[in-house]
PDB file of N, CA and C in Angstrom:
ATOM      1  N   UNK A   1      -5.196 -12.285  -9.563  1.00  0.00           N
ATOM      2  CA  UNK A   1      -4.143 -13.065 -10.138  1.00  0.00           C
ATOM      3  C   UNK A   1      -4.756 -14.352 -10.683  1.00  0.00           C
ATOM      4  N   UNK A   2      -4.647 -14.570 -11.961  1.00  0.00           N
ATOM      5  CA  UNK A   2      -5.261 -15.747 -12.563  1.00  0.00           C
ATOM      6  C   UNK A   2      -4.265 -16.853 -12.857  1.00  0.00           C
ATOM      7  N   UNK A   3      -3.031 -16.721 -12.438  1.00  0.00           N
ATOM      8  CA  UNK A   3      -2.041 -17.755 -12.633  1.00  0.00           C
ATOM      9  C   UNK A   3      -1.310 -17.689 -13.963  1.00  0.00           C
ATOM     10  N   UNK A   4      -1.717 -16.768 -14.844  1.00  0.00           N
ATOM     11  CA  UNK A   4      -1.073 -16.669 -16.147  1.00  0.00           C
ATOM     12  C   UNK A   4       0.077 -15.673 -16.153  1.00  0.00           C
ATOM     13  N   UNK A   5       0.208 -14.888 -15.082  1.00  0.00           N
ATOM     14  CA  UNK A   5       1.285 -13.912 -15.022  1.00  0.00           C
ATOM     15  C   UNK A   5       2.613 -14.631 -14.847  1.00  0.00           C
ATOM     16  N   UNK A   6       3.649 -14.089 -15.426  1.00  0.00           N
ATOM     17  CA  UNK A   6       4.978 -14.663 -15.239  1.00  0.00           C
ATOM     18  C   UNK A   6       5.735 -13.805 -14.255  1.00  0.00           C
ATOM     19  N   UNK A   7       6.527 -14.457 -13.439  1.00  0.00           N
ATOM     20  CA  UNK A   7       7.336 -13.727 -12.472  1.00  0.00           C
ATOM     21  C   UNK A   7       8.766 -13.649 -12.972  1.00  0.00           C
ATOM     22  N   UNK A   8       9.455 -12.607 -12.522  1.00  0.00           N
ATOM     23  CA  UNK A   8      10.864 -12.468 -12.878  1.00  0.00           C
ATOM     24  C   UNK A   8      11.659 -13.599 -12.235  1.00  0.00           C
ATOM     25  N   UNK A   9      12.729 -14.035 -12.869  1.00  0.00           N
ATOM     26  CA  UNK A   9      13.610 -15.020 -12.221  1.00  0.00           C
ATOM     27  C   UNK A   9      14.137 -14.444 -10.901  1.00  0.00           C
ATOM     28  N   UNK A  10      14.397 -15.317  -9.946  1.00  0.00           N
ATOM     29  CA  UNK A  10      14.815 -14.889  -8.609  1.00  0.00           C
ATOM     30  C   UNK A  10      16.029 -13.971  -8.640  1.00  0.00           C
ATOM     31  N   UNK A  11      16.967 -14.205  -9.540  1.00  0.00           N
ATOM     32  CA  UNK A  11      18.181 -13.381  -9.552  1.00  0.00           C
ATOM     33  C   UNK A  11      17.918 -11.965 -10.080  1.00  0.00           C
ATOM     34  N   UNK A  12      16.740 -11.721 -10.694  1.00  0.00           N
ATOM     35  CA  UNK A  12      16.410 -10.379 -11.179  1.00  0.00           C
ATOM     36  C   UNK A  12      15.522  -9.595 -10.207  1.00  0.00           C
ATOM     37  N   UNK A  13      14.923 -10.286  -9.255  1.00  0.00           N
ATOM     38  CA  UNK A  13      14.037  -9.605  -8.303  1.00  0.00           C
ATOM     39  C   UNK A  13      14.855  -8.782  -7.323  1.00  0.00           C
ATOM     40  N   UNK A  14      14.359  -7.591  -7.046  1.00  0.00           N
ATOM     41  CA  UNK A  14      15.012  -6.730  -6.053  1.00  0.00           C
ATOM     42  C   UNK A  14      14.259  -6.853  -4.745  1.00  0.00           C
ATOM     43  N   UNK A  15      14.992  -6.896  -3.668  1.00  0.00           N
ATOM     44  CA  UNK A  15      14.389  -6.969  -2.348  1.00  0.00           C
ATOM     45  C   UNK A  15      14.595  -5.623  -1.671  1.00  0.00           C
ATOM     46  N   UNK A  16      13.494  -5.045  -1.215  1.00  0.00           N
ATOM     47  CA  UNK A  16      13.557  -3.749  -0.549  1.00  0.00           C
ATOM     48  C   UNK A  16      13.253  -3.925   0.930  1.00  0.00           C
ATOM     49  N   UNK A  17      13.985  -3.190   1.753  1.00  0.00           N
ATOM     50  CA  UNK A  17      13.778  -3.253   3.198  1.00  0.00           C
ATOM     51  C   UNK A  17      12.383  -2.757   3.558  1.00  0.00           C
ATOM     52  N   UNK A  18      11.716  -3.520   4.436  1.00  0.00           N
ATOM     53  CA  UNK A  18      10.391  -3.137   4.928  1.00  0.00           C
ATOM     54  C   UNK A  18      10.554  -2.401   6.253  1.00  0.00           C
ATOM     55  N   UNK A  19       9.779  -1.347   6.409  1.00  0.00           N
ATOM     56  CA  UNK A  19       9.807  -0.564   7.640  1.00  0.00           C
ATOM     57  C   UNK A  19       8.443  -0.641   8.308  1.00  0.00           C
ATOM     58  N   UNK A  20       8.444  -0.801   9.629  1.00  0.00           N
ATOM     59  CA  UNK A  20       7.198  -0.813  10.385  1.00  0.00           C
ATOM     60  C   UNK A  20       6.643   0.609  10.421  1.00  0.00           C
ATOM     61  N   UNK A  21       5.404   0.756   9.987  1.00  0.00           N
ATOM     62  CA  UNK A  21       4.777   2.075   9.923  1.00  0.00           C
ATOM     63  C   UNK A  21       3.654   2.193  10.950  1.00  0.00           C
ATOM     64  N   UNK A  22       2.756   1.196  10.982  1.00  0.00           N
ATOM     65  CA  UNK A  22       1.590   1.188  11.876  1.00  0.00           C
ATOM     66  C   UNK A  22       0.894   2.547  11.906  1.00  0.00           C
ATOM     67  N   UNK A  23       0.487   2.978  10.723  1.00  0.00           N
ATOM     68  CA  UNK A  23      -0.139   4.296  10.566  1.00  0.00           C
ATOM     69  C   UNK A  23      -1.493   4.139   9.869  1.00  0.00           C
ATOM     70  N   UNK A  24      -2.514   4.866  10.314  1.00  0.00           N
ATOM     71  CA  UNK A  24      -3.816   4.808   9.641  1.00  0.00           C
ATOM     72  C   UNK A  24      -3.715   5.299   8.200  1.00  0.00           C
ATOM     73  N   UNK A  25      -4.517   4.703   7.361  1.00  0.00           N
ATOM     74  CA  UNK A  25      -4.570   5.112   5.966  1.00  0.00           C
ATOM     75  C   UNK A  25      -5.941   4.861   5.391  1.00  0.00           C
ATOM     76  N   UNK A  26      -6.092   5.171   4.118  1.00  0.00           N
ATOM     77  CA  UNK A  26      -7.351   4.935   3.416  1.00  0.00           C
ATOM     78  C   UNK A  26      -7.053   4.328   2.054  1.00  0.00           C
ATOM     79  N   UNK A  27      -7.853   3.335   1.696  1.00  0.00           N
ATOM     80  CA  UNK A  27      -7.841   2.777   0.354  1.00  0.00           C
ATOM     81  C   UNK A  27      -8.862   3.600  -0.420  1.00  0.00           C
ATOM     82  N   UNK A  28      -8.374   4.404  -1.358  1.00  0.00           N
ATOM     83  CA  UNK A  28      -9.251   5.316  -2.105  1.00  0.00           C
ATOM     84  C   UNK A  28      -9.647   4.624  -3.405  1.00  0.00           C
ATOM     85  N   UNK A  29     -10.942   4.389  -3.551  1.00  0.00           N
ATOM     86  CA  UNK A  29     -11.456   3.664  -4.705  1.00  0.00           C
ATOM     87  C   UNK A  29     -11.531   4.574  -5.924  1.00  0.00           C
ATOM     88  N   UNK A  30     -11.141   4.042  -7.065  1.00  0.00           N
ATOM     89  CA  UNK A  30     -11.246   4.767  -8.326  1.00  0.00           C
ATOM     90  C   UNK A  30     -12.557   4.320  -8.969  1.00  0.00           C
ATOM     91  N   UNK A  31     -13.475   5.265  -9.135  1.00  0.00           N
ATOM     92  CA  UNK A  31     -14.805   4.935  -9.623  1.00  0.00           C
ATOM     93  C   UNK A  31     -15.043   5.515 -11.013  1.00  0.00           C
ATOM     94  N   UNK A  32     -16.285   5.516 -11.406  1.00  0.00           N
ATOM     95  CA  UNK A  32     -16.708   6.014 -12.712  1.00  0.00           C
ATOM     96  C   UNK A  32     -16.156   7.420 -12.974  1.00  0.00           C
ATOM     97  N   UNK A  33     -15.617   7.660 -14.149  1.00  0.00           N
ATOM     98  CA  UNK A  33     -15.009   8.948 -14.541  1.00  0.00           C
ATOM     99  C   UNK A  33     -13.856   9.335 -13.618  1.00  0.00           C
ATOM    100  N   UNK A  34     -13.134   8.319 -13.111  1.00  0.00           N
ATOM    101  CA  UNK A  34     -11.973   8.503 -12.237  1.00  0.00           C
ATOM    102  C   UNK A  34     -12.298   9.238 -10.938  1.00  0.00           C
ATOM    103  N   UNK A  35     -13.544   9.194 -10.517  1.00  0.00           N
ATOM    104  CA  UNK A  35     -13.953   9.779  -9.246  1.00  0.00           C
ATOM    105  C   UNK A  35     -13.303   8.994  -8.104  1.00  0.00           C
ATOM    106  N   UNK A  36     -12.898   9.687  -7.051  1.00  0.00           N
ATOM    107  CA  UNK A  36     -12.262   9.032  -5.893  1.00  0.00           C
ATOM    108  C   UNK A  36     -12.953   9.436  -4.597  1.00  0.00           C
ATOM    109  N   UNK A  37     -14.277   9.364  -4.582  1.00  0.00           N
ATOM    110  CA  UNK A  37     -15.029   9.811  -3.408  1.00  0.00           C
ATOM    111  C   UNK A  37     -15.135   8.751  -2.314  1.00  0.00           C
ATOM    112  N   UNK A  38     -15.110   7.475  -2.674  1.00  0.00           N
ATOM    113  CA  UNK A  38     -15.279   6.401  -1.692  1.00  0.00           C
ATOM    114  C   UNK A  38     -13.923   5.907  -1.196  1.00  0.00           C
ATOM    115  N   UNK A  39     -13.909   5.474   0.068  1.00  0.00           N
ATOM    116  CA  UNK A  39     -12.662   4.943   0.617  1.00  0.00           C
ATOM    117  C   UNK A  39     -12.951   3.893   1.677  1.00  0.00           C
ATOM    118  N   UNK A  40     -11.935   3.102   1.974  1.00  0.00           N
ATOM    119  CA  UNK A  40     -11.987   2.065   2.997  1.00  0.00           C
ATOM    120  C   UNK A  40     -10.853   2.357   3.977  1.00  0.00           C
ATOM    121  N   UNK A  41     -11.150   2.365   5.257  1.00  0.00           N
ATOM    122  CA  UNK A  41     -10.095   2.591   6.246  1.00  0.00           C
ATOM    123  C   UNK A  41      -9.180   1.379   6.348  1.00  0.00           C
ATOM    124  N   UNK A  42      -7.902   1.640   6.591  1.00  0.00           N
ATOM    125  CA  UNK A  42      -6.935   0.555   6.752  1.00  0.00           C
ATOM    126  C   UNK A  42      -5.852   1.004   7.723  1.00  0.00           C
ATOM    127  N   UNK A  43      -5.020   0.048   8.107  1.00  0.00           N
ATOM    128  CA  UNK A  43      -3.849   0.333   8.914  1.00  0.00           C
ATOM    129  C   UNK A  43      -2.645  -0.116   8.092  1.00  0.00           C
ATOM    130  N   UNK A  44      -1.715   0.786   7.853  1.00  0.00           N
ATOM    131  CA  UNK A  44      -0.519   0.467   7.083  1.00  0.00           C
ATOM    132  C   UNK A  44       0.488  -0.103   8.068  1.00  0.00           C
ATOM    133  N   UNK A  45       0.712  -1.420   7.980  1.00  0.00           N
ATOM    134  CA  UNK A  45       1.597  -2.104   8.926  1.00  0.00           C
ATOM    135  C   UNK A  45       3.062  -1.906   8.561  1.00  0.00           C
ATOM    136  N   UNK A  46       3.418  -2.218   7.317  1.00  0.00           N
ATOM    137  CA  UNK A  46       4.802  -2.057   6.871  1.00  0.00           C
ATOM    138  C   UNK A  46       4.804  -1.390   5.507  1.00  0.00           C
ATOM    139  N   UNK A  47       5.969  -0.833   5.157  1.00  0.00           N
ATOM    140  CA  UNK A  47       6.093  -0.136   3.888  1.00  0.00           C
ATOM    141  C   UNK A  47       7.535  -0.231   3.413  1.00  0.00           C
ATOM    142  N   UNK A  48       7.699  -0.345   2.095  1.00  0.00           N
ATOM    143  CA  UNK A  48       9.019  -0.331   1.470  1.00  0.00           C
ATOM    144  C   UNK A  48       8.923   0.593   0.258  1.00  0.00           C
ATOM    145  N   UNK A  49       9.995   0.674  -0.504  1.00  0.00           N
ATOM    146  CA  UNK A  49       9.960   1.503  -1.714  1.00  0.00           C
ATOM    147  C   UNK A  49       9.027   0.924  -2.768  1.00  0.00           C
ATOM    148  N   UNK A  50       8.750  -0.381  -2.694  1.00  0.00           N
ATOM    149  CA  UNK A  50       7.963  -1.020  -3.736  1.00  0.00           C
ATOM    150  C   UNK A  50       6.552  -1.430  -3.325  1.00  0.00           C
ATOM    151  N   UNK A  51       6.223  -1.387  -2.018  1.00  0.00           N
ATOM    152  CA  UNK A  51       4.890  -1.821  -1.626  1.00  0.00           C
ATOM    153  C   UNK A  51       4.649  -1.694  -0.141  1.00  0.00           C
ATOM    154  N   UNK A  52       3.513  -2.268   0.293  1.00  0.00           N
ATOM    155  CA  UNK A  52       3.125  -2.153   1.691  1.00  0.00           C
ATOM    156  C   UNK A  52       2.272  -3.355   2.099  1.00  0.00           C
ATOM    157  N   UNK A  53       2.183  -3.548   3.403  1.00  0.00           N
ATOM    158  CA  UNK A  53       1.270  -4.525   3.967  1.00  0.00           C
ATOM    159  C   UNK A  53       0.221  -3.746   4.748  1.00  0.00           C
ATOM    160  N   UNK A  54      -1.033  -3.978   4.379  1.00  0.00           N
ATOM    161  CA  UNK A  54      -2.149  -3.261   4.975  1.00  0.00           C
ATOM    162  C   UNK A  54      -3.007  -4.208   5.789  1.00  0.00           C
ATOM    163  N   UNK A  55      -3.700  -3.657   6.771  1.00  0.00           N
ATOM    164  CA  UNK A  55      -4.666  -4.429   7.541  1.00  0.00           C
ATOM    165  C   UNK A  55      -6.034  -3.794   7.315  1.00  0.00           C
ATOM    166  N   UNK A  56      -6.988  -4.608   6.881  1.00  0.00           N
ATOM    167  CA  UNK A  56      -8.356  -4.146   6.638  1.00  0.00           C
ATOM    168  C   UNK A  56      -9.327  -5.103   7.308  1.00  0.00           C
ATOM    169  N   UNK A  57     -10.568  -4.677   7.449  1.00  0.00           N
ATOM    170  CA  UNK A  57     -11.602  -5.557   7.973  1.00  0.00           C
ATOM    171  C   UNK A  57     -11.735  -6.755   7.034  1.00  0.00           C
ATOM    172  N   UNK A  58     -11.682  -7.986   7.562  1.00  0.00           N
ATOM    173  CA  UNK A  58     -11.619  -9.179   6.718  1.00  0.00           C
ATOM    174  C   UNK A  58     -12.754  -9.338   5.705  1.00  0.00           C
ATOM    175  N   UNK A  59     -13.972  -8.963   6.046  1.00  0.00           N
ATOM    176  CA  UNK A  59     -15.110  -9.208   5.150  1.00  0.00           C
ATOM    177  C   UNK A  59     -15.315  -8.114   4.094  1.00  0.00           C
ATOM    178  N   UNK A  60     -14.528  -7.050   4.137  1.00  0.00           N
ATOM    179  CA  UNK A  60     -14.689  -5.962   3.164  1.00  0.00           C
ATOM    180  C   UNK A  60     -13.861  -6.268   1.917  1.00  0.00           C
ATOM    181  N   UNK A  61     -14.510  -6.257   0.736  1.00  0.00           N
ATOM    182  CA  UNK A  61     -13.743  -6.492  -0.493  1.00  0.00           C
ATOM    183  C   UNK A  61     -12.833  -5.303  -0.815  1.00  0.00           C
ATOM    184  N   UNK A  62     -11.644  -5.607  -1.302  1.00  0.00           N
ATOM    185  CA  UNK A  62     -10.675  -4.574  -1.690  1.00  0.00           C
ATOM    186  C   UNK A  62     -10.458  -4.712  -3.202  1.00  0.00           C
ATOM    187  N   UNK A  63     -10.589  -3.608  -3.951  1.00  0.00           N
ATOM    188  CA  UNK A  63     -10.390  -3.695  -5.399  1.00  0.00           C
ATOM    189  C   UNK A  63      -8.928  -4.007  -5.733  1.00  0.00           C
ATOM    190  N   UNK A  64      -8.696  -4.515  -6.928  1.00  0.00           N
ATOM    191  CA  UNK A  64      -7.340  -4.858  -7.357  1.00  0.00           C
ATOM    192  C   UNK A  64      -6.460  -3.619  -7.479  1.00  0.00           C
ATOM    193  N   UNK A  65      -7.036  -2.507  -7.953  1.00  0.00           N
ATOM    194  CA  UNK A  65      -6.285  -1.261  -8.144  1.00  0.00           C
ATOM    195  C   UNK A  65      -6.957  -0.143  -7.347  1.00  0.00           C
ATOM    196  N   UNK A  66      -6.135   0.667  -6.678  1.00  0.00           N
ATOM    197  CA  UNK A  66      -6.658   1.780  -5.883  1.00  0.00           C
ATOM    198  C   UNK A  66      -5.519   2.734  -5.554  1.00  0.00           C
ATOM    199  N   UNK A  67      -5.861   3.828  -4.892  1.00  0.00           N
ATOM    200  CA  UNK A  67      -4.863   4.754  -4.375  1.00  0.00           C
ATOM    201  C   UNK A  67      -4.793   4.583  -2.864  1.00  0.00           C
ATOM    202  N   UNK A  68      -3.593   4.646  -2.311  1.00  0.00           N
ATOM    203  CA  UNK A  68      -3.393   4.564  -0.870  1.00  0.00           C
ATOM    204  C   UNK A  68      -3.101   5.947  -0.332  1.00  0.00           C
ATOM    205  N   UNK A  69      -3.921   6.392   0.599  1.00  0.00           N
ATOM    206  CA  UNK A  69      -3.720   7.683   1.267  1.00  0.00           C
ATOM    207  C   UNK A  69      -3.214   7.393   2.679  1.00  0.00           C
ATOM    208  N   UNK A  70      -2.169   8.102   3.079  1.00  0.00           N
ATOM    209  CA  UNK A  70      -1.567   7.926   4.403  1.00  0.00           C
ATOM    210  C   UNK A  70      -1.947   9.128   5.257  1.00  0.00           C
ATOM    211  N   UNK A  71      -2.468   8.861   6.459  1.00  0.00           N
ATOM    212  CA  UNK A  71      -2.881   9.935   7.357  1.00  0.00           C
ATOM    213  C   UNK A  71      -1.736  10.918   7.567  1.00  0.00           C
ATOM    214  N   UNK A  72      -2.000  12.204   7.345  1.00  0.00           N
ATOM    215  CA  UNK A  72      -1.006  13.248   7.559  1.00  0.00           C
ATOM    216  C   UNK A  72      -0.146  13.559   6.353  1.00  0.00           C
ATOM    217  N   UNK A  73      -0.392  12.874   5.234  1.00  0.00           N
ATOM    218  CA  UNK A  73       0.396  13.106   4.020  1.00  0.00           C
ATOM    219  C   UNK A  73      -0.555  13.380   2.865  1.00  0.00           C
ATOM    220  N   UNK A  74      -0.270  14.418   2.092  1.00  0.00           N
ATOM    221  CA  UNK A  74      -1.166  14.821   1.004  1.00  0.00           C
ATOM    222  C   UNK A  74      -1.179  13.871  -0.179  1.00  0.00           C
ATOM    223  N   UNK A  75      -0.031  13.327  -0.538  1.00  0.00           N
ATOM    224  CA  UNK A  75       0.064  12.500  -1.743  1.00  0.00           C
ATOM    225  C   UNK A  75      -0.607  11.147  -1.559  1.00  0.00           C
ATOM    226  N   UNK A  76      -1.112  10.605  -2.675  1.00  0.00           N
ATOM    227  CA  UNK A  76      -1.676   9.259  -2.688  1.00  0.00           C
ATOM    228  C   UNK A  76      -0.798   8.393  -3.578  1.00  0.00           C
ATOM    229  N   UNK A  77      -0.742   7.094  -3.281  1.00  0.00           N
ATOM    230  CA  UNK A  77       0.128   6.177  -4.010  1.00  0.00           C
ATOM    231  C   UNK A  77      -0.737   5.175  -4.778  1.00  0.00           C
ATOM    232  N   UNK A  78      -0.494   5.034  -6.064  1.00  0.00           N
ATOM    233  CA  UNK A  78      -1.198   4.039  -6.863  1.00  0.00           C
ATOM    234  C   UNK A  78      -0.740   2.646  -6.472  1.00  0.00           C
ATOM    235  N   UNK A  79      -1.707   1.733  -6.222  1.00  0.00           N
ATOM    236  CA  UNK A  79      -1.392   0.396  -5.731  1.00  0.00           C
ATOM    237  C   UNK A  79      -2.114  -0.687  -6.516  1.00  0.00           C
ATOM    238  N   UNK A  80      -1.531  -1.882  -6.481  1.00  0.00           N
ATOM    239  CA  UNK A  80      -2.137  -3.087  -7.037  1.00  0.00           C
ATOM    240  C   UNK A  80      -2.033  -4.184  -5.986  1.00  0.00           C
ATOM    241  N   UNK A  81      -3.147  -4.868  -5.718  1.00  0.00           N
ATOM    242  CA  UNK A  81      -3.143  -5.955  -4.730  1.00  0.00           C
ATOM    243  C   UNK A  81      -2.336  -7.124  -5.277  1.00  0.00           C
ATOM    244  N   UNK A  82      -1.396  -7.607  -4.472  1.00  0.00           N
ATOM    245  CA  UNK A  82      -0.565  -8.755  -4.839  1.00  0.00           C
ATOM    246  C   UNK A  82      -1.064 -10.024  -4.151  1.00  0.00           C
ATOM    247  N   UNK A  83      -1.558  -9.886  -2.916  1.00  0.00           N
ATOM    248  CA  UNK A  83      -2.042 -11.043  -2.157  1.00  0.00           C
ATOM    249  C   UNK A  83      -2.973 -10.561  -1.053  1.00  0.00           C
ATOM    250  N   UNK A  84      -3.863 -11.483  -0.631  1.00  0.00           N
ATOM    251  CA  UNK A  84      -4.733 -11.171   0.499  1.00  0.00           C
ATOM    252  C   UNK A  84      -4.983 -12.434   1.303  1.00  0.00           C
ATOM    253  N   UNK A  85      -4.802 -12.307   2.614  1.00  0.00           N
ATOM    254  CA  UNK A  85      -5.123 -13.378   3.556  1.00  0.00           C
ATOM    255  C   UNK A  85      -5.921 -12.754   4.683  1.00  0.00           C
ATOM    256  N   UNK A  86      -7.221 -12.991   4.665  1.00  0.00           N
ATOM    257  CA  UNK A  86      -8.138 -12.436   5.655  1.00  0.00           C
ATOM    258  C   UNK A  86      -7.967 -10.924   5.768  1.00  0.00           C
ATOM    259  N   UNK A  87      -7.419 -10.424   6.909  1.00  0.00           N
ATOM    260  CA  UNK A  87      -7.295  -8.962   7.052  1.00  0.00           C
ATOM    261  C   UNK A  87      -6.005  -8.401   6.475  1.00  0.00           C
ATOM    262  N   UNK A  88      -5.044  -9.250   6.121  1.00  0.00           N
ATOM    263  CA  UNK A  88      -3.754  -8.782   5.600  1.00  0.00           C
ATOM    264  C   UNK A  88      -3.808  -8.659   4.071  1.00  0.00           C
ATOM    265  N   UNK A  89      -3.531  -7.442   3.577  1.00  0.00           N
ATOM    266  CA  UNK A  89      -3.508  -7.187   2.142  1.00  0.00           C
ATOM    267  C   UNK A  89      -2.101  -6.716   1.781  1.00  0.00           C
ATOM    268  N   UNK A  90      -1.439  -7.435   0.885  1.00  0.00           N
ATOM    269  CA  UNK A  90      -0.111  -7.055   0.420  1.00  0.00           C
ATOM    270  C   UNK A  90      -0.271  -6.363  -0.929  1.00  0.00           C
ATOM    271  N   UNK A  91       0.262  -5.142  -1.030  1.00  0.00           N
ATOM    272  CA  UNK A  91       0.136  -4.378  -2.272  1.00  0.00           C
ATOM    273  C   UNK A  91       1.513  -4.023  -2.816  1.00  0.00           C
ATOM    274  N   UNK A  92       1.558  -3.881  -4.122  1.00  0.00           N
ATOM    275  CA  UNK A  92       2.736  -3.348  -4.792  1.00  0.00           C
ATOM    276  C   UNK A  92       2.404  -1.958  -5.278  1.00  0.00           C
ATOM    277  N   UNK A  93       3.347  -1.055  -5.155  1.00  0.00           N
ATOM    278  CA  UNK A  93       3.119   0.295  -5.677  1.00  0.00           C
ATOM    279  C   UNK A  93       3.282   0.252  -7.194  1.00  0.00           C
ATOM    280  N   UNK A  94       2.490   1.031  -7.890  1.00  0.00           N
ATOM    281  CA  UNK A  94       2.541   1.028  -9.352  1.00  0.00           C
ATOM    282  C   UNK A  94       3.863   1.563  -9.881  1.00  0.00           C
ATOM    283  N   UNK A  95       4.578   2.334  -9.073  1.00  0.00           N
ATOM    284  CA  UNK A  95       5.951   2.746  -9.365  1.00  0.00           C
ATOM    285  C   UNK A  95       6.687   2.845  -8.033  1.00  0.00           C
ATOM    286  N   UNK A  96       7.991   2.659  -8.068  1.00  0.00           N
ATOM    287  CA  UNK A  96       8.772   2.801  -6.833  1.00  0.00           C
ATOM    288  C   UNK A  96       8.572   4.198  -6.276  1.00  0.00           C
ATOM    289  N   UNK A  97       8.422   4.283  -4.958  1.00  0.00           N
ATOM    290  CA  UNK A  97       8.288   5.613  -4.372  1.00  0.00           C
ATOM    291  C   UNK A  97       9.675   6.195  -4.126  1.00  0.00           C
ATOM    292  N   UNK A  98       9.712   7.485  -3.990  1.00  0.00           N
ATOM    293  CA  UNK A  98      10.946   8.205  -3.740  1.00  0.00           C
ATOM    294  C   UNK A  98      11.459   7.855  -2.332  1.00  0.00           C
ATOM    295  N   UNK A  99      12.740   7.523  -2.186  1.00  0.00           N
ATOM    296  CA  UNK A  99      13.287   7.205  -0.860  1.00  0.00           C
ATOM    297  C   UNK A  99      13.070   8.332   0.163  1.00  0.00           C
ATOM    298  N   UNK A 100      13.110   9.583  -0.280  1.00  0.00           N
ATOM    299  CA  UNK A 100      12.864  10.699   0.643  1.00  0.00           C
ATOM    300  C   UNK A 100      11.428  10.697   1.148  1.00  0.00           C
ATOM    301  N   UNK A 101      10.490  10.329   0.277  1.00  0.00           N
ATOM    302  CA  UNK A 101       9.079  10.228   0.679  1.00  0.00           C
ATOM    303  C   UNK A 101       8.929   9.143   1.738  1.00  0.00           C
ATOM    304  N   UNK A 102       9.535   7.973   1.505  1.00  0.00           N
ATOM    305  CA  UNK A 102       9.466   6.880   2.480  1.00  0.00           C
ATOM    306  C   UNK A 102      10.092   7.315   3.805  1.00  0.00           C
ATOM    307  N   UNK A 103      11.218   7.993   3.754  1.00  0.00           N
ATOM    308  CA  UNK A 103      11.875   8.479   4.970  1.00  0.00           C
ATOM    309  C   UNK A 103      10.941   9.433   5.728  1.00  0.00           C
ATOM    310  N   UNK A 104      10.236  10.294   5.004  1.00  0.00           N
ATOM    311  CA  UNK A 104       9.281  11.223   5.620  1.00  0.00           C
ATOM    312  C   UNK A 104       8.162  10.452   6.327  1.00  0.00           C
ATOM    313  N   UNK A 105       7.633   9.409   5.684  1.00  0.00           N
ATOM    314  CA  UNK A 105       6.561   8.603   6.283  1.00  0.00           C
ATOM    315  C   UNK A 105       7.069   7.911   7.546  1.00  0.00           C
ATOM    316  N   UNK A 106       8.275   7.352   7.480  1.00  0.00           N
ATOM    317  CA  UNK A 106       8.855   6.667   8.636  1.00  0.00           C
ATOM    318  C   UNK A 106       9.055   7.648   9.791  1.00  0.00           C
ATOM    319  N   UNK A 107       9.611   8.823   9.475  1.00  0.00           N
ATOM    320  CA  UNK A 107       9.848   9.844  10.500  1.00  0.00           C
ATOM    321  C   UNK A 107       8.530  10.305  11.122  1.00  0.00           C
ATOM    322  N   UNK A 108       7.509  10.513  10.296  1.00  0.00           N
ATOM    323  CA  UNK A 108       6.201  10.946  10.787  1.00  0.00           C
ATOM    324  C   UNK A 108       5.601   9.885  11.707  1.00  0.00           C
ATOM    325  N   UNK A 109       5.723   8.624  11.319  1.00  0.00           N
ATOM    326  CA  UNK A 109       5.195   7.525  12.148  1.00  0.00           C
ATOM    327  C   UNK A 109       5.947   7.452  13.466  1.00  0.00           C
ATOM    328  N   UNK A 110       7.257   7.629  13.434  1.00  0.00           N
ATOM    329  CA  UNK A 110       8.059   7.595  14.657  1.00  0.00           C
ATOM    330  C   UNK A 110       7.673   8.744  15.584  1.00  0.00           C
ATOM    331  N   UNK A 111       7.536   9.932  15.043  1.00  0.00           N
ATOM    332  CA  UNK A 111       7.234  11.116  15.849  1.00  0.00           C
ATOM    333  C   UNK A 111       5.865  11.002  16.510  1.00  0.00           C
ATOM    334  N   UNK A 112       4.882  10.432  15.830  1.00  0.00           N
ATOM    335  CA  UNK A 112       3.539  10.350  16.398  1.00  0.00           C
ATOM    336  C   UNK A 112       3.389   9.171  17.359  1.00  0.00           C
ATOM    337  N   UNK A 113       4.334   8.223  17.334  1.00  0.00           N
ATOM    338  CA  UNK A 113       4.239   7.077  18.244  1.00  0.00           C
ATOM    339  C   UNK A 113       4.998   7.313  19.544  1.00  0.00           C
ATOM    340  N   UNK A 114       5.771   8.390  19.618  1.00  0.00           N
ATOM    341  CA  UNK A 114       6.551   8.672  20.840  1.00  0.00           C
ATOM    342  C   UNK A 114       6.102   9.939  21.504  1.00  0.00           C
TER     343      UNK A 114
END
């Protein structure tokens, strides 16, 4: 973020409910010729229809754009880093995810934690 981006006025921003996920995931790096062989382990702390909060090792650099893979789910989600504070990385999804997909992730996280 270089400070030149404009944000939507507050009355146009949508707020989406965040759900606690606490599920392992991977930040899948997009490399030369769109190769996705490299990844960084993370913990997905919260998730909404529009983004997620991830926990990563503080000293590991995270690219601005990547795919997020969630343990136990085949699909990957295109992400853009919105903010980073030490180990906390806040990402926005490149498109809103399907509410049924989010419900599946929440249910899977609940089932594996009990």
